[in-house]
Amino acid sequence: MKSISELTDFYYNRLYPELKILEEQRKTIKKRVINIGIIYLLFVALISFYLYQNVSFDILSFFLIFALAGTKWLYSYLIRDYSIDFKNKIIAPLITEIDENLQYSPHLHILASDFNNSRLFRTRPDRISGNDYVKGEIDGTAIEFSDLLAEKKHTDSKGRESWERVFLGLFIVSEFPKKFHGQTVVLPDSAQKIFGDLVGGWLQKNNTSRNELVKMDNVEFEKEFVVYSTDQIEARYILTPAMMQKLLHFKKKTKHPIYVSFIGGKIYLAIEYNSDMFEASVFHSLLEYKIAMEYIQTLHLAVGIVEELKLNQKLWSKL
């Protein structure tokens, strides 16, 4: 797999002609977004003022929710062609440069069944969407990932619907060199960080929505993660000292909350970015080093899970 420095060179040297064309396209679209956005906001403000003066608060609230959804749709519509060009001319070549065995489908995403099978989140979503799906093999190890948004629907006493975000970020599924009879889940240790060791530990132990709590010997790992499993022995067999160190290192590289589970011979990994990682913003130049590095590092991180966690080394025999 290519290094980050090699990918950076490829981005600026090989893709630069396309970047310059996209940059001019971006500037044009940015002006259009700002001008149309101002007109749209003035229209919404006028209608809102009229509704506030003449109708009920419920109708005004409904209109504002509709207007907010309209804002998102309008922005997506205005940048649609630019976004498609960016993915086809920049993201797709970057993925191929990382490894030619990887296949990129900008409009697909990880299946809902994979998300649910991971057991990473207690809330079962009613709606899953996403994009930028990548699938292939790295050193003989199957891997797939995509941006993913999982949402739960709620309906109030008046029949009004609202959607709760369950997860937004990068979701990765990869083979793991051992089949499991049980299920082991590794979550961010938010309870102990918020409530301290005593109360946080009690909350972890009495989490009835999870399997049995597993206490690990690695102090640093215990501060960052909490482990639940259907099999204490198997959990420790999976989470060896070396594996715990690799997960700690991986978390430091992401700088975001990560959720990991080991189920059915697979490792599921969710990185909570709270944004769509491979969408091109019209408000930031593609020629900026920082912006370029965000795309490159995220792609390298997702694909690099195979090397980072040594998933291509068949260290265990299959059970």
Protein backbone atom coordinates (compact mmCIF):
# COMPACT_ATOMS: atom_id res chain seq x y z
CA MET A 1 0.00 0.00 0.00
CA LYS A 2 1.25 3.49 -0.88
CA SER A 3 2.42 5.75 1.95
CA ILE A 4 0.81 9.11 2.78
CA SER A 5 3.80 10.97 1.30
CA GLU A 6 3.48 9.00 -1.95
CA LEU A 7 -0.25 9.76 -2.10
CA THR A 8 0.40 13.45 -1.42
CA ASP A 9 2.88 13.56 -4.30
CA PHE A 10 0.34 11.83 -6.53
CA TYR A 11 -2.36 14.33 -5.49
CA TYR A 12 -0.32 17.41 -6.32
CA ASN A 13 1.75 16.10 -9.25
CA ARG A 14 -0.47 13.71 -11.18
CA LEU A 15 -3.89 15.19 -10.34
CA TYR A 16 -2.90 18.86 -10.48
CA PRO A 17 -4.33 19.59 -13.98
CA GLU A 18 -7.73 18.30 -12.83
CA LEU A 19 -7.40 20.19 -9.54
CA LYS A 20 -6.90 23.50 -11.38
CA ILE A 21 -10.01 22.91 -13.50
CA LEU A 22 -12.05 21.94 -10.44
CA GLU A 23 -10.77 24.98 -8.55
CA GLU A 24 -12.16 27.35 -11.19
CA GLN A 25 -15.42 25.40 -11.15
CA ARG A 26 -15.52 25.68 -7.35
CA LYS A 27 -15.11 29.47 -7.39
CA THR A 28 -17.97 29.86 -9.84
CA ILE A 29 -20.28 27.59 -7.85
CA LYS A 30 -19.34 29.31 -4.59
CA LYS A 31 -20.57 32.65 -5.93
CA ARG A 32 -23.77 31.02 -7.16
CA VAL A 33 -24.38 29.32 -3.80
CA ILE A 34 -23.89 32.59 -1.91
CA ASN A 35 -26.13 34.64 -4.22
CA ILE A 36 -28.95 32.10 -4.36
CA GLY A 37 -28.54 31.45 -0.62
CA ILE A 38 -29.10 35.12 0.21
CA ILE A 39 -32.27 35.24 -1.93
CA TYR A 40 -33.51 32.00 -0.35
CA LEU A 41 -32.92 33.23 3.21
CA LEU A 42 -34.71 36.51 2.49
CA PHE A 43 -37.67 34.55 1.11
CA VAL A 44 -37.75 32.30 4.20
CA ALA A 45 -37.51 35.32 6.51
CA LEU A 46 -40.43 37.08 4.81
CA ILE A 47 -42.66 34.00 4.88
CA SER A 48 -41.71 33.32 8.52
CA PHE A 49 -42.60 36.89 9.52
CA TYR A 50 -45.98 36.59 7.79
CA LEU A 51 -46.74 33.24 9.44
CA TYR A 52 -45.66 34.58 12.84
CA GLN A 53 -48.09 37.50 12.51
CA ASN A 54 -51.06 35.63 11.05
CA VAL A 55 -51.06 31.90 11.87
CA SER A 56 -50.31 29.47 14.67
CA PHE A 57 -46.87 28.63 16.03
CA ASP A 58 -47.27 24.99 14.92
CA ILE A 59 -47.57 26.02 11.25
CA LEU A 60 -44.58 28.33 11.62
CA SER A 61 -42.55 25.50 13.17
CA PHE A 62 -43.53 23.15 10.34
CA PHE A 63 -42.51 25.74 7.75
CA LEU A 64 -39.11 26.32 9.40
CA ILE A 65 -38.41 22.57 9.45
CA PHE A 66 -39.41 22.40 5.79
CA ALA A 67 -37.22 25.42 4.98
CA LEU A 68 -34.23 23.85 6.73
CA ALA A 69 -34.64 20.66 4.71
CA GLY A 70 -34.95 22.83 1.62
CA THR A 71 -31.65 24.52 2.43
CA LYS A 72 -29.84 21.18 2.45
CA TRP A 73 -31.54 20.07 -0.78
CA LEU A 74 -30.77 23.37 -2.52
CA TYR A 75 -27.09 23.25 -1.56
CA SER A 76 -26.78 19.62 -2.70
CA TYR A 77 -28.47 20.48 -5.99
CA LEU A 78 -26.21 23.46 -6.68
CA ILE A 79 -22.98 21.55 -6.06
CA ARG A 80 -24.12 18.23 -7.59
CA ASP A 81 -22.07 18.41 -10.81
CA TYR A 82 -19.02 19.69 -8.96
CA SER A 83 -19.32 16.90 -6.39
CA ILE A 84 -19.59 14.23 -9.11
CA ASP A 85 -16.54 15.60 -10.93
CA PHE A 86 -14.56 15.73 -7.69
CA LYS A 87 -15.28 12.12 -6.85
CA ASN A 88 -14.63 10.82 -10.37
CA LYS A 89 -11.47 12.85 -11.00
CA ILE A 90 -9.90 13.01 -7.53
CA ILE A 91 -11.25 10.44 -5.05
CA ALA A 92 -11.47 7.53 -7.51
CA PRO A 93 -7.84 7.93 -8.76
CA LEU A 94 -6.61 8.28 -5.17
CA ILE A 95 -8.25 4.99 -4.19
CA THR A 96 -6.81 3.21 -7.22
CA GLU A 97 -3.39 4.66 -6.39
CA ILE A 98 -3.62 3.26 -2.85
CA ASP A 99 -4.28 -0.22 -4.24
CA GLU A 100 -5.42 -1.20 -7.74
CA ASN A 101 -7.49 -4.07 -6.29
CA LEU A 102 -9.92 -1.62 -4.67
CA GLN A 103 -13.23 -0.81 -6.36
CA TYR A 104 -14.96 2.52 -5.75
CA SER A 105 -18.71 3.14 -6.06
CA PRO A 106 -19.59 6.73 -5.11
CA HIS A 107 -23.35 6.13 -4.78
CA LEU A 108 -23.32 2.87 -2.78
CA HIS A 109 -22.74 2.26 0.93
CA ILE A 110 -22.29 -0.48 3.54
CA LEU A 111 -25.41 -2.66 3.90
CA ALA A 112 -27.83 -2.10 6.77
CA SER A 113 -27.39 -5.78 7.69
CA ASP A 114 -23.66 -5.21 8.28
CA PHE A 115 -24.38 -2.22 10.49
CA ASN A 116 -26.92 -4.18 12.55
CA ASN A 117 -24.77 -7.33 12.71
CA SER A 118 -21.94 -5.30 14.23
CA ARG A 119 -23.87 -4.87 17.52
CA LEU A 120 -21.97 -1.61 18.01
CA PHE A 121 -25.00 0.58 18.69
CA ARG A 122 -27.91 -0.27 20.97
CA THR A 123 -30.43 1.67 18.88
CA ARG A 124 -31.55 -0.17 15.76
CA PRO A 125 -31.90 2.44 13.00
CA ASP A 126 -34.99 2.82 10.83
CA ARG A 127 -33.08 4.46 8.00
CA ILE A 128 -29.55 4.04 6.68
CA SER A 129 -27.95 6.07 3.92
CA GLY A 130 -24.43 6.73 2.76
CA ASN A 131 -22.03 6.90 -0.16
CA ASP A 132 -18.41 6.50 -1.25
CA TYR A 133 -18.31 2.71 -0.98
CA VAL A 134 -14.93 0.99 -1.37
CA LYS A 135 -14.49 -2.77 -1.61
CA GLY A 136 -11.54 -5.03 -2.35
CA GLU A 137 -8.62 -6.95 -0.90
CA ILE A 138 -5.45 -5.75 0.77
CA ASP A 139 -2.75 -8.42 0.90
CA GLY A 140 -5.43 -11.10 0.53
CA THR A 141 -7.68 -9.68 3.27
CA ALA A 142 -11.18 -8.59 2.22
CA ILE A 143 -12.19 -5.08 3.30
CA GLU A 144 -15.06 -2.71 2.58
CA PHE A 145 -16.01 0.71 3.91
CA SER A 146 -18.15 3.75 3.23
CA ASP A 147 -19.54 6.91 4.73
CA LEU A 148 -22.67 5.97 6.63
CA LEU A 149 -25.58 7.75 8.31
CA ALA A 150 -27.89 5.70 10.55
CA GLU A 151 -31.07 7.30 11.92
CA LYS A 152 -33.97 6.35 14.21
CA LYS A 153 -37.49 7.68 13.61
CA HIS A 154 -39.57 9.14 16.43
CA THR A 155 -43.19 10.22 16.31
CA ASP A 156 -44.69 12.58 18.90
CA SER A 157 -48.27 12.65 20.25
CA LYS A 158 -49.38 14.87 17.33
CA GLY A 159 -48.02 12.47 14.72
CA ARG A 160 -45.04 14.65 13.84
CA GLU A 161 -41.93 12.75 12.79
CA SER A 162 -38.36 13.51 13.80
CA TRP A 163 -35.13 11.66 13.14
CA GLU A 164 -32.46 10.89 15.74
CA ARG A 165 -28.91 10.35 14.55
CA VAL A 166 -27.53 7.00 15.66
CA PHE A 167 -24.21 7.20 13.82
CA LEU A 168 -22.50 9.38 11.21
CA GLY A 169 -19.01 8.63 10.02
CA LEU A 170 -16.86 5.98 8.40
CA PHE A 171 -17.94 2.34 8.76
CA ILE A 172 -15.43 -0.42 7.99
CA VAL A 173 -15.89 -4.18 7.68
CA SER A 174 -12.93 -6.52 7.29
CA GLU A 175 -12.07 -10.17 7.59
CA PHE A 176 -10.41 -11.20 10.83
CA PRO A 177 -8.07 -14.23 10.97
CA LYS A 178 -10.21 -16.15 13.48
CA LYS A 179 -13.82 -17.27 13.67
CA PHE A 180 -15.67 -16.57 16.89
CA HIS A 181 -18.34 -18.54 18.66
CA GLY A 182 -19.22 -15.45 20.69
CA GLN A 183 -19.42 -11.71 20.29
CA THR A 184 -16.92 -9.17 21.62
CA VAL A 185 -17.63 -5.44 21.48
CA VAL A 186 -15.17 -2.64 22.27
CA LEU A 187 -16.71 0.80 22.93
CA PRO A 188 -15.43 4.24 23.95
CA ASP A 189 -15.25 4.40 27.75
CA SER A 190 -17.41 7.48 28.25
CA ALA A 191 -18.84 6.41 31.64
CA GLN A 192 -15.55 6.41 33.54
CA LYS A 193 -14.38 9.63 31.89
CA ILE A 194 -17.58 11.42 32.91
CA PHE A 195 -18.34 9.86 36.32
CA GLY A 196 -14.94 8.57 37.47
CA ASP A 197 -13.69 5.07 38.21
CA LEU A 198 -16.15 4.18 41.00
CA VAL A 199 -19.46 5.34 39.53
CA GLY A 200 -18.35 4.79 35.93
CA GLY A 201 -17.24 1.24 36.71
CA TRP A 202 -20.59 0.51 38.38
CA LEU A 203 -22.49 1.83 35.34
CA GLN A 204 -20.38 -0.30 33.00
CA LYS A 205 -20.96 -3.44 35.06
CA ASN A 206 -24.72 -2.86 35.27
CA ASN A 207 -25.25 -2.03 31.60
CA THR A 208 -28.16 -4.42 30.98
CA SER A 209 -28.23 -3.68 27.26
CA ARG A 210 -24.79 -5.25 26.81
CA ASN A 211 -23.23 -8.64 27.44
CA GLU A 212 -20.85 -9.39 30.31
CA LEU A 213 -18.26 -6.74 31.16
CA VAL A 214 -14.65 -7.84 30.53
CA LYS A 215 -11.89 -6.14 32.53
CA MET A 216 -8.59 -5.97 30.67
CA ASP A 217 -5.08 -5.89 32.15
CA ASN A 218 -3.91 -2.92 30.06
CA VAL A 219 -4.48 0.23 32.18
CA GLU A 220 -4.25 2.63 29.23
CA PHE A 221 -6.69 0.49 27.23
CA GLU A 222 -9.13 0.43 30.16
CA LYS A 223 -9.10 4.24 30.28
CA GLU A 224 -10.04 4.53 26.63
CA PHE A 225 -12.33 1.55 26.06
CA VAL A 226 -14.88 -0.70 27.71
CA VAL A 227 -15.23 -4.32 26.57
CA TYR A 228 -18.36 -6.51 26.59
CA SER A 229 -18.46 -10.12 25.46
CA THR A 230 -20.47 -13.31 25.51
CA ASP A 231 -17.25 -15.19 26.31
CA GLN A 232 -14.64 -13.85 28.74
CA ILE A 233 -11.94 -16.29 27.61
CA GLU A 234 -12.52 -15.66 23.91
CA ALA A 235 -12.49 -11.87 24.45
CA ARG A 236 -9.02 -12.07 26.01
CA TYR A 237 -7.89 -14.42 23.25
CA ILE A 238 -8.93 -11.82 20.66
CA LEU A 239 -7.74 -8.77 22.59
CA THR A 240 -4.15 -9.80 23.12
CA PRO A 241 -1.70 -7.24 24.54
CA ALA A 242 -0.50 -6.58 21.00
CA MET A 243 -4.06 -6.10 19.68
CA MET A 244 -4.92 -3.67 22.51
CA GLN A 245 -1.85 -1.59 21.70
CA LYS A 246 -2.79 -1.55 18.02
CA LEU A 247 -6.33 -0.36 18.82
CA LEU A 248 -4.94 2.37 21.08
CA HIS A 249 -2.59 3.49 18.32
CA PHE A 250 -5.40 3.41 15.78
CA LYS A 251 -7.58 5.59 18.02
CA LYS A 252 -4.79 8.15 18.42
CA LYS A 253 -4.40 8.31 14.64
CA THR A 254 -8.12 8.86 14.03
CA LYS A 255 -8.55 11.49 16.81
CA HIS A 256 -12.23 10.52 16.86
CA PRO A 257 -14.34 8.05 18.88
CA ILE A 258 -14.07 4.51 17.53
CA TYR A 259 -16.28 1.47 18.07
CA VAL A 260 -15.03 -2.05 17.35
CA SER A 261 -16.65 -5.49 17.39
CA PHE A 262 -15.44 -8.99 16.60
CA ILE A 263 -18.32 -11.15 15.36
CA GLY A 264 -18.53 -14.11 12.98
CA GLY A 265 -14.97 -13.95 11.70
CA LYS A 266 -15.20 -10.23 10.94
CA ILE A 267 -14.06 -7.02 12.55
CA TYR A 268 -16.49 -4.10 12.38
CA LEU A 269 -15.08 -0.65 13.02
CA ALA A 270 -17.03 2.62 13.19
CA ILE A 271 -15.23 5.98 13.31
CA GLU A 272 -17.55 8.78 14.43
CA TYR A 273 -16.52 11.75 12.28
CA ASN A 274 -20.01 13.35 12.38
CA SER A 275 -19.54 14.46 8.78
CA ASP A 276 -19.43 13.09 5.24
CA MET A 277 -15.70 12.64 4.80
CA PHE A 278 -15.36 12.60 1.00
CA GLU A 279 -17.64 15.46 0.01
CA ALA A 280 -16.01 18.50 -1.60
CA SER A 281 -16.98 21.79 0.03
CA VAL A 282 -17.25 24.79 -2.27
CA PHE A 283 -16.03 27.04 0.56
CA HIS A 284 -12.54 25.52 0.73
CA SER A 285 -9.96 25.30 -2.02
CA LEU A 286 -8.85 21.85 -3.16
CA LEU A 287 -5.36 23.31 -3.58
CA GLU A 288 -5.02 23.97 0.17
CA TYR A 289 -2.60 21.51 1.76
CA LYS A 290 -4.77 20.99 4.85
CA ILE A 291 -7.86 20.13 2.79
CA ALA A 292 -5.91 17.75 0.58
CA MET A 293 -4.41 15.98 3.59
CA GLU A 294 -7.85 15.39 5.14
CA TYR A 295 -8.93 13.37 2.10
CA ILE A 296 -5.62 11.55 1.79
CA GLN A 297 -5.24 10.69 5.48
CA THR A 298 -8.83 9.47 5.82
CA LEU A 299 -8.53 7.18 2.80
CA HIS A 300 -5.14 5.91 3.94
CA LEU A 301 -6.49 5.29 7.45
CA ALA A 302 -9.51 3.33 6.24
CA VAL A 303 -7.55 1.10 3.88
CA GLY A 304 -4.62 0.89 6.29
CA ILE A 305 -6.66 -0.91 8.95
CA VAL A 306 -5.47 -4.18 7.42
CA GLU A 307 -1.81 -3.29 8.00
CA GLU A 308 -2.44 -1.29 11.17
CA LEU A 309 -4.16 -4.19 12.96
CA LYS A 310 -2.12 -6.84 11.10
CA LEU A 311 -5.28 -8.48 9.77
CA ASN A 312 -3.33 -9.99 6.88
CA GLN A 313 -1.24 -12.11 9.24
CA LYS A 314 -2.92 -15.42 9.90
CA LEU A 315 -1.82 -15.61 13.51
CA TRP A 316 -4.62 -17.80 14.77
CA SER A 317 -6.02 -21.07 13.61
CA LYS A 318 -9.71 -21.14 12.75
CA LEU A 319 -11.92 -22.59 15.45
